[in-house]
């Protein structure tokens, strides 16, 4: 199902990093009928409220960018919230969309749905072929359920419900809270704060040897718009750059960009997580989409946003 620029489109989670990027990009590209609701206006954990909203507004498309997200520490400390909140949010949205005849749905997940020791690069076919990374398995299981829910609806009823699995995302609007953030924004904040503190040493988790792939958030927004306007052949697509680097290399790039001159100390007692997470992006590339923002450019833009919003960032606590 192809969506036009005048069709009503609901973006769930429009205030998050991914959702705000999607909202911004669709506005820039002159989509003129976008629906958004804040958490206070619509609690996505409330089944009755979500059902009423979808049935009354009748969007032609729904984009699910809403989720409870966090890094290794947050996932490990709050497993039940990461499992239950995500299951409830996505089920309320997917089922309400289905019951009310929403023609197109895009469900955004994460590369953590794939097994910890999946063959690299990870293809869509590796789903459910091995054990998950223990530190974020709760979030991963919820996202797998969402993928399978969309797949089941498409298989049984022929609905154009697509799941996109982005690699590690970063960019303006990211979470820079050190207790709940992912690795790249956490590094930006640590190196910035250390530089301001007379180039103090920076302590980072693990050995620095794991390899990770990163994608600038505006690229995933572009992928969403690409999928929104086309009828694709499959139900699950990876979204990434297809290029990775070690955590140590990432730290050195960010350190250099920020201008921190102090020491990096690796805390080997902390977990590394999955040894390598590189996405096989050939499937979506074959449909005609690929990334455009290089890591160095994206990190620079993210740091500029961080510095411009530093006062607000230091006041925010993510729950």
Protein backbone atom coordinates (compact mmCIF):
# COMPACT_ATOMS: atom_id res chain seq x y z
CA UNK A 1 0.00 0.00 0.00
CA UNK A 2 1.46 3.33 -1.10
CA UNK A 3 0.86 6.34 1.11
CA UNK A 4 0.42 9.82 -0.35
CA UNK A 5 1.45 13.14 1.19
CA UNK A 6 -2.17 14.07 1.93
CA UNK A 7 -3.00 10.81 3.74
CA UNK A 8 -3.45 10.83 7.51
CA UNK A 9 -0.36 9.32 9.19
CA UNK A 10 0.00 8.72 12.93
CA UNK A 11 3.54 8.78 14.35
CA UNK A 12 3.64 7.08 17.76
CA UNK A 13 6.56 8.31 19.83
CA UNK A 14 7.12 11.58 17.97
CA UNK A 15 9.07 13.14 20.84
CA UNK A 16 11.76 10.47 20.98
CA UNK A 17 14.93 10.61 18.96
CA UNK A 18 13.62 8.37 16.15
CA UNK A 19 10.04 9.62 16.16
CA UNK A 20 11.06 13.28 16.16
CA UNK A 21 13.39 12.67 13.23
CA UNK A 22 10.60 10.94 11.29
CA UNK A 23 8.18 13.75 12.15
CA UNK A 24 10.71 16.40 11.11
CA UNK A 25 11.57 14.68 7.83
CA UNK A 26 7.95 14.07 6.80
CA UNK A 27 7.15 17.71 7.54
CA UNK A 28 10.12 18.80 5.45
CA UNK A 29 8.91 16.62 2.59
CA UNK A 30 5.46 18.23 2.79
CA UNK A 31 3.37 15.46 4.29
CA UNK A 32 0.48 17.60 5.45
CA UNK A 33 -1.73 15.32 7.59
CA UNK A 34 0.49 14.06 10.41
CA UNK A 35 -1.03 12.97 13.72
CA UNK A 36 0.97 13.18 16.96
CA UNK A 37 0.12 12.87 20.65
CA UNK A 38 2.26 13.47 23.72
CA UNK A 39 2.44 10.91 26.54
CA UNK A 40 0.14 13.13 28.64
CA UNK A 41 -2.38 13.31 25.82
CA UNK A 42 -2.34 9.58 25.04
CA UNK A 43 -0.89 6.87 27.29
CA UNK A 44 0.07 4.12 24.84
CA UNK A 45 -0.10 1.58 27.68
CA UNK A 46 -3.84 2.26 27.98
CA UNK A 47 -5.58 -0.15 25.61
CA UNK A 48 -8.95 1.59 25.69
CA UNK A 49 -7.44 5.02 25.04
CA UNK A 50 -5.33 3.79 22.12
CA UNK A 51 -8.27 1.96 20.56
CA UNK A 52 -10.49 5.03 20.88
CA UNK A 53 -7.84 7.28 19.34
CA UNK A 54 -7.23 5.04 16.31
CA UNK A 55 -10.96 4.39 15.71
CA UNK A 56 -11.85 8.09 15.93
CA UNK A 57 -8.92 9.49 13.92
CA UNK A 58 -8.81 6.66 11.34
CA UNK A 59 -5.25 7.15 10.07
CA UNK A 60 -4.32 5.47 6.81
CA UNK A 61 -0.84 4.67 8.15
CA UNK A 62 0.70 4.15 11.58
CA UNK A 63 4.44 4.43 12.33
CA UNK A 64 5.46 2.86 15.66
CA UNK A 65 8.55 4.64 16.96
CA UNK A 66 7.34 4.54 20.57
CA UNK A 67 9.23 2.24 22.94
CA UNK A 68 10.89 2.06 26.33
CA UNK A 69 14.59 2.08 25.47
CA UNK A 70 17.95 2.17 27.26
CA UNK A 71 21.48 0.83 27.34
CA UNK A 72 23.01 -2.24 29.01
CA UNK A 73 22.72 -0.84 32.54
CA UNK A 74 19.06 0.14 32.27
CA UNK A 75 18.08 -3.14 30.58
CA UNK A 76 19.85 -5.15 33.25
CA UNK A 77 18.35 -3.22 36.17
CA UNK A 78 14.75 -2.96 34.94
CA UNK A 79 14.04 -6.18 32.96
CA UNK A 80 10.34 -6.36 33.80
CA UNK A 81 9.60 -2.78 32.73
CA UNK A 82 11.49 -3.24 29.46
CA UNK A 83 9.60 -6.44 28.70
CA UNK A 84 6.09 -5.49 29.81
CA UNK A 85 5.93 -1.83 28.75
CA UNK A 86 7.11 -2.60 25.24
CA UNK A 87 4.78 -5.59 24.85
CA UNK A 88 1.80 -3.51 25.95
CA UNK A 89 2.63 -0.42 23.86
CA UNK A 90 3.18 -2.29 20.62
CA UNK A 91 0.24 -4.66 21.07
CA UNK A 92 -2.15 -1.78 21.74
CA UNK A 93 -0.97 0.03 18.60
CA UNK A 94 -0.71 -2.96 16.24
CA UNK A 95 -4.01 -4.54 17.28
CA UNK A 96 -5.90 -1.23 17.24
CA UNK A 97 -4.51 -0.48 13.79
CA UNK A 98 -5.56 -3.91 12.54
CA UNK A 99 -9.05 -3.76 14.07
CA UNK A 100 -9.67 -0.31 12.59
CA UNK A 101 -8.50 -1.06 9.07
CA UNK A 102 -5.23 0.89 9.05
CA UNK A 103 -3.81 0.11 5.61
CA UNK A 104 -0.08 0.53 6.31
CA UNK A 105 1.90 0.02 9.51
CA UNK A 106 5.64 0.34 10.07
CA UNK A 107 6.99 -1.22 13.28
CA UNK A 108 10.45 -0.12 14.35
CA UNK A 109 12.51 -2.59 16.34
CA UNK A 110 16.20 -3.14 17.02
CA UNK A 111 19.11 -5.29 15.90
CA UNK A 112 19.12 -6.85 19.40
CA UNK A 113 16.36 -9.21 18.20
CA UNK A 114 19.07 -11.33 16.56
CA UNK A 115 21.04 -14.04 18.41
CA UNK A 116 24.13 -13.02 20.37
CA UNK A 117 26.35 -15.23 18.22
CA UNK A 118 24.52 -14.80 14.91
CA UNK A 119 26.59 -15.21 11.78
CA UNK A 120 28.02 -11.84 10.72
CA UNK A 121 26.71 -9.79 9.08
CA UNK A 122 23.31 -10.58 10.60
CA UNK A 123 20.60 -11.26 8.05
CA UNK A 124 16.87 -11.24 8.64
CA UNK A 125 16.97 -15.05 8.38
CA UNK A 126 19.00 -15.32 11.60
CA UNK A 127 15.97 -14.38 13.71
CA UNK A 128 15.20 -17.07 16.33
CA UNK A 129 18.18 -19.24 15.39
CA UNK A 130 20.05 -18.89 18.71
CA UNK A 131 20.16 -17.43 22.21
CA UNK A 132 19.87 -13.69 22.78
CA UNK A 133 22.33 -11.37 24.48
CA UNK A 134 21.38 -11.75 28.19
CA UNK A 135 21.78 -8.08 29.12
CA UNK A 136 19.00 -6.88 26.80
CA UNK A 137 16.99 -10.05 26.18
CA UNK A 138 13.86 -8.57 27.79
CA UNK A 139 13.67 -5.72 25.30
CA UNK A 140 14.61 -8.07 22.46
CA UNK A 141 11.85 -10.56 23.29
CA UNK A 142 9.27 -7.77 23.26
CA UNK A 143 10.49 -6.56 19.86
CA UNK A 144 10.51 -10.09 18.45
CA UNK A 145 6.88 -10.41 19.53
CA UNK A 146 6.06 -7.21 17.62
CA UNK A 147 7.80 -8.48 14.48
CA UNK A 148 5.90 -11.75 14.65
CA UNK A 149 2.61 -9.98 15.34
CA UNK A 150 3.03 -7.90 12.18
CA UNK A 151 4.14 -10.98 10.22
CA UNK A 152 1.10 -12.96 11.39
CA UNK A 153 -1.32 -10.20 10.42
CA UNK A 154 0.30 -9.90 7.01
CA UNK A 155 0.28 -13.67 6.48
CA UNK A 156 -3.29 -14.25 7.62
CA UNK A 157 -5.00 -11.09 6.38
CA UNK A 158 -2.69 -9.65 3.71
CA UNK A 159 -2.19 -6.32 5.51
CA UNK A 160 0.81 -4.21 4.53
CA UNK A 161 2.49 -4.32 7.94
CA UNK A 162 6.30 -4.00 7.76
CA UNK A 163 8.96 -4.31 10.46
CA UNK A 164 12.20 -2.34 10.21
CA UNK A 165 15.15 -3.35 12.39
CA UNK A 166 17.64 -0.47 12.67
CA UNK A 167 21.18 -0.92 13.85
CA UNK A 168 22.49 1.25 16.73
CA UNK A 169 21.02 4.71 16.20
CA UNK A 170 22.31 8.08 17.33
CA UNK A 171 21.69 11.74 16.61
CA UNK A 172 19.94 14.93 17.78
CA UNK A 173 17.43 14.25 20.53
CA UNK A 174 19.35 11.24 21.85
CA UNK A 175 19.34 10.23 25.51
CA UNK A 176 22.52 11.48 27.18
CA UNK A 177 21.65 10.36 30.71
CA UNK A 178 24.61 8.23 31.82
CA UNK A 179 22.44 5.72 33.68
CA UNK A 180 20.18 4.88 30.74
CA UNK A 181 21.92 5.97 27.54
CA UNK A 182 23.45 3.89 24.76
CA UNK A 183 27.18 3.80 24.13
CA UNK A 184 27.67 6.62 21.60
CA UNK A 185 25.74 9.39 23.41
CA UNK A 186 27.22 8.21 26.73
CA UNK A 187 30.71 8.67 25.26
CA UNK A 188 29.86 12.14 23.98
CA UNK A 189 28.75 13.23 27.43
CA UNK A 190 31.65 11.57 29.27
CA UNK A 191 34.32 13.07 27.03
CA UNK A 192 32.67 16.50 27.07
CA UNK A 193 32.35 16.54 30.86
CA UNK A 194 35.93 15.26 31.28
CA UNK A 195 37.25 17.98 28.96
CA UNK A 196 35.42 20.60 31.01
CA UNK A 197 36.99 19.05 34.14
CA UNK A 198 40.60 19.74 33.13
CA UNK A 199 40.74 16.75 30.77
CA UNK A 200 40.08 14.23 33.54
CA UNK A 201 40.40 10.50 32.72
CA UNK A 202 37.35 8.83 31.16
CA UNK A 203 36.24 5.42 32.40
CA UNK A 204 34.51 3.24 29.78
CA UNK A 205 32.89 -0.18 30.14
CA UNK A 206 34.46 -3.42 28.97
CA UNK A 207 37.53 -4.05 26.88
CA UNK A 208 36.73 -1.84 23.89
CA UNK A 209 37.06 -4.82 21.54
CA UNK A 210 33.38 -5.44 20.57
CA UNK A 211 32.46 -4.14 17.14
CA UNK A 212 29.36 -2.09 16.51
CA UNK A 213 27.59 -0.49 13.57
CA UNK A 214 25.97 2.94 13.91
CA UNK A 215 23.36 4.79 11.85
CA UNK A 216 22.50 8.48 12.02
CA UNK A 217 18.86 8.86 13.00
CA UNK A 218 17.91 10.94 9.95
CA UNK A 219 18.91 7.99 7.77
CA UNK A 220 16.41 5.69 9.49
CA UNK A 221 13.76 8.38 9.07
CA UNK A 222 14.56 8.42 5.36
CA UNK A 223 14.20 4.60 5.30
CA UNK A 224 10.78 4.89 6.96
CA UNK A 225 9.62 7.34 4.30
CA UNK A 226 11.00 5.03 1.61
CA UNK A 227 9.01 2.08 2.95
CA UNK A 228 5.94 4.23 3.55
CA UNK A 229 5.66 5.11 -0.13
CA UNK A 230 6.29 1.64 -1.60
CA UNK A 231 4.85 -1.84 -1.62
CA UNK A 232 7.70 -4.13 -0.58
CA UNK A 233 7.95 -7.86 -1.06
CA UNK A 234 8.82 -8.96 2.49
CA UNK A 235 7.75 -8.18 6.06
CA UNK A 236 11.14 -7.68 7.80
CA UNK A 237 14.07 -5.48 6.76
CA UNK A 238 17.35 -4.52 8.41
CA UNK A 239 18.25 -0.82 8.32
CA UNK A 240 21.90 0.09 8.72
CA UNK A 241 25.12 1.23 7.10
CA UNK A 242 26.70 -2.21 6.72
CA UNK A 243 29.92 -0.75 8.21
CA UNK A 244 31.20 -1.35 11.76
CA UNK A 245 34.11 -0.41 14.03
CA UNK A 246 35.37 -1.37 17.48
CA UNK A 247 34.15 0.44 20.59
CA UNK A 248 37.77 1.50 21.15
CA UNK A 249 37.90 3.07 17.67
CA UNK A 250 34.59 4.82 18.32
CA UNK A 251 35.90 6.21 21.62
CA UNK A 252 39.03 7.55 19.93
CA UNK A 253 36.97 9.24 17.19
CA UNK A 254 34.69 10.93 19.72
CA UNK A 255 37.61 11.88 21.96
CA UNK A 256 39.36 13.55 19.03
CA UNK A 257 36.22 15.37 17.87
CA UNK A 258 35.53 16.77 21.34
CA UNK A 259 39.17 17.63 21.98
CA UNK A 260 39.60 15.65 25.20
CA UNK A 261 43.32 15.18 25.99
CA UNK A 262 43.03 12.90 29.03
CA UNK A 263 43.39 9.16 29.51
CA UNK A 264 40.83 6.50 28.56
CA UNK A 265 40.52 3.75 31.18
CA UNK A 266 38.76 0.51 30.21
CA UNK A 267 36.90 -1.23 33.05
CA UNK A 268 37.32 -4.89 32.12
CA UNK A 269 35.08 -5.97 35.00
CA UNK A 270 32.08 -4.55 33.16
CA UNK A 271 30.34 -6.59 30.41
CA UNK A 272 31.17 -6.15 26.74
CA UNK A 273 27.83 -7.38 25.47
CA UNK A 274 27.60 -9.05 22.08
CA UNK A 275 31.08 -9.46 20.47
CA UNK A 276 29.96 -8.10 17.11
CA UNK A 277 26.72 -6.69 15.69
CA UNK A 278 26.89 -5.92 11.99
CA UNK A 279 23.73 -5.85 9.92
CA UNK A 280 23.30 -7.43 6.52
CA UNK A 281 21.53 -4.56 4.76
CA UNK A 282 21.44 -6.11 1.30
CA UNK A 283 17.71 -6.88 1.42
CA UNK A 284 16.57 -3.26 1.76
CA UNK A 285 19.36 -2.11 -0.55
CA UNK A 286 17.95 -4.43 -3.21
CA UNK A 287 14.62 -2.60 -2.84
CA UNK A 288 16.43 0.68 -3.57
CA UNK A 289 17.41 2.24 -0.21
CA UNK A 290 20.83 2.80 1.40
CA UNK A 291 22.28 5.12 4.05
CA UNK A 292 23.92 8.47 3.28
CA UNK A 293 25.35 10.06 6.48
CA UNK A 294 28.94 9.07 7.34
CA UNK A 295 29.74 8.35 11.00
CA UNK A 296 32.14 11.27 11.39
CA UNK A 297 29.59 13.73 10.00
CA UNK A 298 26.77 12.32 12.09
CA UNK A 299 28.78 12.39 15.32
CA UNK A 300 29.80 15.99 14.66
CA UNK A 301 26.17 17.02 14.11
CA UNK A 302 25.12 15.14 17.23
CA UNK A 303 27.78 16.85 19.34
CA UNK A 304 26.71 20.25 18.01
CA UNK A 305 23.14 19.46 19.08
CA UNK A 306 24.38 18.25 22.48
CA UNK A 307 26.27 21.47 23.14
CA UNK A 308 23.32 23.60 22.03
CA UNK A 309 20.97 21.77 24.39
CA UNK A 310 23.33 21.06 27.29
CA UNK A 311 21.36 22.96 29.91
CA UNK A 312 18.17 21.03 29.18
CA UNK A 313 20.05 17.72 28.89
CA UNK A 314 21.49 18.09 32.38
CA UNK A 315 17.99 18.64 33.78
CA UNK A 316 16.38 15.63 32.08
CA UNK A 317 15.98 12.28 33.80
CA UNK A 318 14.67 9.45 31.63
CA UNK A 319 12.20 6.99 33.13
